[in-house]
Amino acid sequence: MDPLWIFTLGLFAQLLFTARMLVQWILSEKNRQVENPTAFWILGLCGSLLFLLYGWLRNDFALILGQLIGYYVYIWNLGAKGVWQQLGRWRPLVVGLLLLVPLAVLTPFLVHWPDVSKTLFQNKDIPQALLLFGIAGQVVFSTRFLYQAFYSVRRKASSLPVGFWLISAIGAAMILVYGIFRRDPVLILAESFGLFTYIRNLMLWHARRENR
């Protein structure tokens, strides 16, 4: 059983993710359309970094994989929304440090990769089939950010298209199942709430489309 402080770290990371969704959801409900607030990406970036650390502490490769992709997409979206430009001369330093943080976290593990890979892929607490299912869920879940980034780059502006919410709902459902089998309270609570907000955003998008 992992120490309580590790679950506390993961819970705090998920609270940031939840706050991100709450801000986006409240604004969307208020304006009756899917909104894309800057706070969504700031809270996501902070939560992603902490959850990356949580995944390593839990020796859970499925969690690690998902955060590595999303983290850099958060950085890109904040740039697209003009946040980094507001830092002036400090922008290169701040953005540079943010880009290097995951590498700094991963370096000690990469140096000892043969031993680490055994811990990650031969974890007696995670059956191989379940690990592969969790990885698949994270891949699907992370694909939403790749889709969102591609969609936004083509339109030269940060946006949250309907495909983002659809992929999010599918990925969240898979991770929720994974969390239940892993008996991970952090994943269960987070993905249950997340699944609700993803479906609600799909409903708002559909309602707005019907009213056009």
Protein backbone atom coordinates (compact mmCIF):
# COMPACT_ATOMS: atom_id res chain seq x y z
CA MET A 1 0.00 0.00 0.00
CA ASP A 2 1.41 3.39 -0.97
CA PRO A 3 1.87 6.08 1.71
CA LEU A 4 -1.05 8.42 2.28
CA TRP A 5 0.97 11.44 1.13
CA ILE A 6 1.30 9.95 -2.36
CA PHE A 7 -2.47 9.68 -2.70
CA THR A 8 -2.74 13.21 -1.29
CA LEU A 9 -0.43 14.47 -4.04
CA GLY A 10 -2.49 12.71 -6.69
CA LEU A 11 -5.71 14.02 -5.17
CA PHE A 12 -4.37 17.59 -5.20
CA ALA A 13 -3.40 17.20 -8.86
CA GLN A 14 -6.90 15.96 -9.62
CA LEU A 15 -8.39 18.87 -7.67
CA LEU A 16 -6.58 21.18 -10.08
CA PHE A 17 -7.96 19.21 -13.02
CA THR A 18 -11.42 19.38 -11.44
CA ALA A 19 -11.12 23.14 -10.86
CA ARG A 20 -10.14 23.46 -14.53
CA MET A 21 -13.31 21.67 -15.60
CA LEU A 22 -15.47 23.57 -13.13
CA VAL A 23 -14.30 26.94 -14.48
CA GLN A 24 -14.90 25.82 -18.05
CA TRP A 25 -18.26 24.23 -17.22
CA ILE A 26 -19.61 27.22 -15.25
CA LEU A 27 -18.66 29.67 -18.00
CA SER A 28 -20.17 27.39 -20.63
CA GLU A 29 -23.42 27.03 -18.69
CA LYS A 30 -23.55 30.80 -18.17
CA ASN A 31 -23.11 31.58 -21.86
CA ARG A 32 -24.98 28.48 -23.10
CA GLN A 33 -22.09 27.48 -25.33
CA VAL A 34 -18.76 25.66 -25.01
CA GLU A 35 -16.16 28.14 -23.70
CA ASN A 36 -12.36 27.97 -23.73
CA PRO A 37 -11.06 30.06 -20.78
CA THR A 38 -7.36 30.68 -20.15
CA ALA A 39 -7.73 29.33 -16.60
CA PHE A 40 -8.58 25.93 -18.12
CA TRP A 41 -5.06 25.63 -19.51
CA ILE A 42 -3.23 27.16 -16.53
CA LEU A 43 -4.86 24.79 -14.03
CA GLY A 44 -4.35 21.90 -16.45
CA LEU A 45 -0.63 22.62 -16.75
CA CYS A 46 -0.15 22.68 -12.97
CA GLY A 47 -2.21 19.53 -12.47
CA SER A 48 -0.41 17.69 -15.27
CA LEU A 49 3.00 18.27 -13.73
CA LEU A 50 1.88 17.03 -10.30
CA PHE A 51 0.09 14.02 -11.78
CA LEU A 52 3.18 13.11 -13.76
CA LEU A 53 5.03 12.87 -10.46
CA TYR A 54 2.14 10.90 -8.96
CA GLY A 55 2.36 8.35 -11.77
CA TRP A 56 6.05 7.77 -11.10
CA LEU A 57 5.51 7.44 -7.37
CA ARG A 58 2.77 4.88 -8.07
CA ASN A 59 5.01 3.05 -10.58
CA ASP A 60 2.14 3.36 -13.06
CA PHE A 61 3.29 3.69 -16.68
CA ALA A 62 -0.28 4.21 -17.93
CA LEU A 63 -0.57 7.45 -15.94
CA ILE A 64 2.89 8.66 -16.92
CA LEU A 65 2.23 8.23 -20.63
CA GLY A 66 -0.89 10.37 -20.55
CA GLN A 67 0.71 13.30 -18.77
CA LEU A 68 3.76 13.52 -21.02
CA ILE A 69 1.59 14.34 -24.03
CA GLY A 70 -0.89 16.68 -22.35
CA TYR A 71 1.70 18.77 -20.52
CA TYR A 72 3.22 20.24 -23.67
CA VAL A 73 -0.17 20.83 -25.26
CA TYR A 74 -1.10 22.96 -22.27
CA ILE A 75 2.02 25.05 -22.86
CA TRP A 76 1.18 25.49 -26.53
CA ASN A 77 -2.40 26.57 -25.83
CA LEU A 78 -1.28 29.17 -23.29
CA GLY A 79 1.03 30.54 -25.95
CA ALA A 80 -1.81 30.58 -28.49
CA LYS A 81 -3.93 32.54 -26.00
CA GLY A 82 -1.16 35.11 -25.54
CA VAL A 83 -0.28 34.29 -21.94
CA TRP A 84 3.46 33.90 -22.49
CA GLN A 85 3.66 37.14 -24.46
CA GLN A 86 2.47 39.00 -21.38
CA LEU A 87 5.63 37.97 -19.52
CA GLY A 88 7.79 40.24 -21.67
CA ARG A 89 11.51 39.63 -21.32
CA TRP A 90 10.86 36.85 -18.81
CA ARG A 91 9.05 34.74 -21.41
CA PRO A 92 12.08 32.76 -22.72
CA LEU A 93 13.19 31.87 -19.18
CA VAL A 94 9.75 30.85 -17.90
CA VAL A 95 8.78 28.87 -21.00
CA GLY A 96 12.23 27.28 -21.19
CA LEU A 97 12.02 26.09 -17.59
CA LEU A 98 8.52 24.73 -18.11
CA LEU A 99 9.66 22.79 -21.16
CA LEU A 100 12.57 21.29 -19.24
CA VAL A 101 10.74 20.36 -16.03
CA PRO A 102 9.38 16.97 -17.26
CA LEU A 103 12.81 16.09 -18.64
CA ALA A 104 14.40 16.91 -15.29
CA VAL A 105 11.83 14.70 -13.53
CA LEU A 106 12.38 11.83 -15.97
CA THR A 107 16.20 11.95 -16.20
CA PRO A 108 16.97 9.97 -13.01
CA PHE A 109 14.62 7.22 -14.16
CA LEU A 110 15.95 7.14 -17.73
CA VAL A 111 19.50 6.71 -16.42
CA HIS A 112 18.38 3.56 -14.61
CA TRP A 113 15.87 2.53 -17.27
CA PRO A 114 16.52 -1.27 -17.19
CA ASP A 115 15.64 -1.42 -13.50
CA VAL A 116 12.83 1.11 -13.83
CA SER A 117 11.24 -0.73 -16.78
CA LYS A 118 11.00 -3.88 -14.67
CA THR A 119 9.22 -1.92 -11.96
CA LEU A 120 6.85 -0.30 -14.43
CA PHE A 121 6.09 -3.19 -16.76
CA GLN A 122 6.42 -6.06 -14.30
CA ASN A 123 4.50 -4.49 -11.44
CA LYS A 124 2.99 -7.34 -9.44
CA ASP A 125 0.13 -5.03 -8.42
CA ILE A 126 -0.93 -4.45 -12.04
CA PRO A 127 -1.73 -7.49 -14.26
CA GLN A 128 -0.27 -7.16 -17.76
CA ALA A 129 -3.69 -7.13 -19.45
CA LEU A 130 -4.93 -4.41 -17.11
CA LEU A 131 -1.80 -2.34 -17.69
CA LEU A 132 -2.27 -2.57 -21.46
CA PHE A 133 -5.92 -1.53 -21.08
CA GLY A 134 -4.86 1.43 -18.91
CA ILE A 135 -2.25 2.45 -21.46
CA ALA A 136 -4.87 2.22 -24.23
CA GLY A 137 -7.18 4.44 -22.19
CA GLN A 138 -4.44 7.00 -21.66
CA VAL A 139 -3.54 6.93 -25.35
CA VAL A 140 -7.16 7.58 -26.32
CA PHE A 141 -7.47 10.26 -23.62
CA SER A 142 -4.24 11.94 -24.72
CA THR A 143 -5.26 11.87 -28.37
CA ARG A 144 -7.84 14.54 -27.53
CA PHE A 145 -5.00 17.00 -26.95
CA LEU A 146 -3.29 16.10 -30.20
CA TYR A 147 -6.62 16.54 -31.99
CA GLN A 148 -7.27 19.83 -30.19
CA ALA A 149 -3.79 21.15 -30.99
CA PHE A 150 -4.07 20.17 -34.67
CA TYR A 151 -7.55 21.73 -34.89
CA SER A 152 -6.35 24.94 -33.21
CA VAL A 153 -3.18 25.26 -35.30
CA ARG A 154 -5.22 25.03 -38.49
CA ARG A 155 -7.46 27.84 -37.25
CA LYS A 156 -4.58 29.80 -35.67
CA ALA A 157 -6.41 30.10 -32.34
CA SER A 158 -6.86 27.97 -29.22
CA SER A 159 -10.28 26.29 -29.24
CA LEU A 160 -12.12 23.29 -27.81
CA PRO A 161 -13.94 21.53 -30.69
CA VAL A 162 -16.63 18.91 -30.28
CA GLY A 163 -14.16 16.15 -31.16
CA PHE A 164 -12.15 17.07 -28.07
CA TRP A 165 -15.11 16.35 -25.79
CA LEU A 166 -16.08 13.15 -27.59
CA ILE A 167 -12.57 11.70 -27.36
CA SER A 168 -12.38 12.88 -23.73
CA ALA A 169 -15.58 11.01 -22.83
CA ILE A 170 -14.37 7.75 -24.41
CA GLY A 171 -10.93 7.99 -22.82
CA ALA A 172 -12.34 8.94 -19.40
CA ALA A 173 -14.69 5.94 -19.44
CA MET A 174 -11.75 3.61 -20.15
CA ILE A 175 -9.59 5.17 -17.42
CA LEU A 176 -12.51 4.99 -14.98
CA VAL A 177 -12.75 1.24 -15.57
CA TYR A 178 -8.97 0.99 -15.15
CA GLY A 179 -9.15 2.97 -11.89
CA ILE A 180 -11.89 0.71 -10.54
CA PHE A 181 -9.81 -2.43 -11.16
CA ARG A 182 -6.73 -0.67 -9.73
CA ARG A 183 -8.77 0.39 -6.70
CA ASP A 184 -7.37 3.88 -7.20
CA PRO A 185 -9.68 6.39 -5.45
CA VAL A 186 -7.95 9.33 -7.15
CA LEU A 187 -8.73 8.03 -10.64
CA ILE A 188 -12.27 6.96 -9.76
CA LEU A 189 -13.27 10.34 -8.33
CA ALA A 190 -11.54 12.36 -11.04
CA GLU A 191 -12.80 10.43 -14.04
CA SER A 192 -16.35 10.19 -12.71
CA PHE A 193 -16.58 13.97 -12.51
CA GLY A 194 -14.68 14.42 -15.74
CA LEU A 195 -16.99 12.08 -17.64
CA PHE A 196 -19.97 14.12 -16.47
CA THR A 197 -18.50 17.42 -17.68
CA TYR A 198 -17.40 15.96 -21.02
CA ILE A 199 -20.92 14.66 -21.70
CA ARG A 200 -22.41 17.98 -20.58
CA ASN A 201 -20.20 19.91 -23.01
CA LEU A 202 -21.35 17.59 -25.80
CA MET A 203 -24.94 18.38 -24.81
CA LEU A 204 -24.26 22.13 -24.89
CA TRP A 205 -22.60 21.84 -28.28
CA HIS A 206 -25.54 19.83 -29.64
CA ALA A 207 -28.11 22.26 -28.20
CA ARG A 208 -26.34 25.27 -29.71
CA ARG A 209 -26.12 23.53 -33.07
CA GLU A 210 -29.84 22.75 -32.97
CA ASN A 211 -30.67 26.41 -32.23
CA ARG A 212 -28.72 27.77 -35.19
